[in-house]
Amino acid sequence: MGPVDLLLIHEPAGDVHEIYRAMETAYKEGKLRTIGVSNFLGERYLDLLNHCSVIPAINQVETHVFRQLYQSGARYPESHAKLVDNESV
């Protein structure tokens, strides 16, 4: 079997730094093609960026008509993330 195309941490629970380090190791060994996170908002995402050697390729965020991203208070530096805006959903 070849490398896994994409592996995400579903949400920032538990020791995300240890989990992400294990994902980075698998990525560097060629077992994973892409690594990323899901539902890491604001400070949790920035904290991970400050402690990782491989920047997440994706930060998948939940958005729907009853819970828009801007309502969560999430803020990201433009250099690290493209935000989902209400027009593209």
Protein backbone atom coordinates (compact mmCIF):
# COMPACT_ATOMS: atom_id res chain seq x y z
CA MET A 1 0.00 0.00 0.00
CA GLY A 2 1.26 3.49 -0.86
CA PRO A 3 1.22 6.61 1.28
CA VAL A 4 -2.00 7.98 2.77
CA ASP A 5 -3.13 11.08 0.84
CA LEU A 6 -4.29 13.20 3.80
CA LEU A 7 -4.39 12.75 7.57
CA LEU A 8 -6.05 15.31 9.86
CA ILE A 9 -6.32 15.76 13.62
CA HIS A 10 -10.09 16.07 13.92
CA GLU A 11 -10.17 18.55 16.79
CA PRO A 12 -7.75 20.07 19.31
CA ALA A 13 -8.21 17.50 22.09
CA GLY A 14 -5.60 15.62 24.06
CA ASP A 15 -1.88 16.15 23.49
CA VAL A 16 -2.12 17.64 20.00
CA HIS A 17 1.61 18.43 19.94
CA GLU A 18 2.53 14.77 20.46
CA ILE A 19 -0.06 13.62 17.93
CA TYR A 20 1.11 16.15 15.37
CA ARG A 21 4.78 15.23 15.94
CA ALA A 22 3.89 11.61 15.14
CA MET A 23 2.14 12.79 11.98
CA GLU A 24 5.20 14.87 11.04
CA THR A 25 7.43 11.81 11.46
CA ALA A 26 5.16 9.71 9.23
CA TYR A 27 5.09 12.56 6.69
CA LYS A 28 8.89 12.84 6.64
CA GLU A 29 9.14 9.04 6.22
CA GLY A 30 6.88 9.23 3.17
CA LYS A 31 3.96 7.40 4.79
CA LEU A 32 1.68 10.45 4.47
CA ARG A 33 1.45 12.80 1.49
CA THR A 34 -0.25 15.63 3.37
CA ILE A 35 -0.98 16.44 7.02
CA GLY A 36 -3.32 18.96 8.55
CA VAL A 37 -5.84 19.75 11.22
CA SER A 38 -9.56 20.24 11.55
CA ASN A 39 -11.47 22.68 13.74
CA PHE A 40 -8.38 24.37 15.20
CA LEU A 41 -9.54 27.90 15.85
CA GLY A 42 -7.62 31.00 16.85
CA GLU A 43 -5.08 30.49 19.59
CA ARG A 44 -5.03 26.69 19.34
CA TYR A 45 -4.04 26.91 15.68
CA LEU A 46 -1.38 29.55 16.34
CA ASP A 47 0.00 27.49 19.24
CA LEU A 48 0.37 24.47 16.96
CA LEU A 49 2.12 26.61 14.31
CA ASN A 50 4.65 27.73 16.92
CA HIS A 51 5.49 24.11 17.85
CA CYS A 52 5.56 22.26 14.54
CA SER A 53 8.18 21.72 11.85
CA VAL A 54 5.69 20.94 9.06
CA ILE A 55 3.02 23.61 8.60
CA PRO A 56 -0.47 22.05 8.32
CA ALA A 57 -1.49 21.97 4.66
CA ILE A 58 -5.12 22.39 5.64
CA ASN A 59 -7.20 23.56 8.58
CA GLN A 60 -10.65 22.26 7.80
CA VAL A 61 -13.26 24.26 9.68
CA GLU A 62 -16.92 23.55 10.16
CA THR A 63 -19.25 26.16 8.79
CA HIS A 64 -22.93 26.10 8.08
CA VAL A 65 -25.90 28.41 8.07
CA PHE A 66 -26.37 28.28 11.87
CA ARG A 67 -22.70 28.58 12.88
CA GLN A 68 -20.54 30.84 10.77
CA LEU A 69 -16.79 31.12 11.35
CA TYR A 70 -16.96 34.80 12.29
CA GLN A 71 -19.30 33.89 15.17
CA SER A 72 -16.65 31.63 16.73
CA GLY A 73 -14.26 34.53 17.29
CA ALA A 74 -11.55 32.77 15.26
CA ARG A 75 -8.72 34.95 14.06
CA TYR A 76 -5.78 33.89 11.91
CA PRO A 77 -2.84 35.81 10.49
CA GLU A 78 -3.37 36.19 6.72
CA SER A 79 0.04 34.68 6.07
CA HIS A 80 -1.06 31.33 7.55
CA ALA A 81 -4.63 30.78 6.53
CA LYS A 82 -7.22 31.60 3.93
CA LEU A 83 -10.45 32.16 5.76
CA VAL A 84 -13.77 30.89 4.58
CA ASP A 85 -15.97 33.86 3.93
CA ASN A 86 -19.75 33.94 3.90
CA GLU A 87 -19.82 34.49 0.14
CA SER A 88 -18.03 31.23 -0.66
CA VAL A 89 -20.12 28.93 1.49
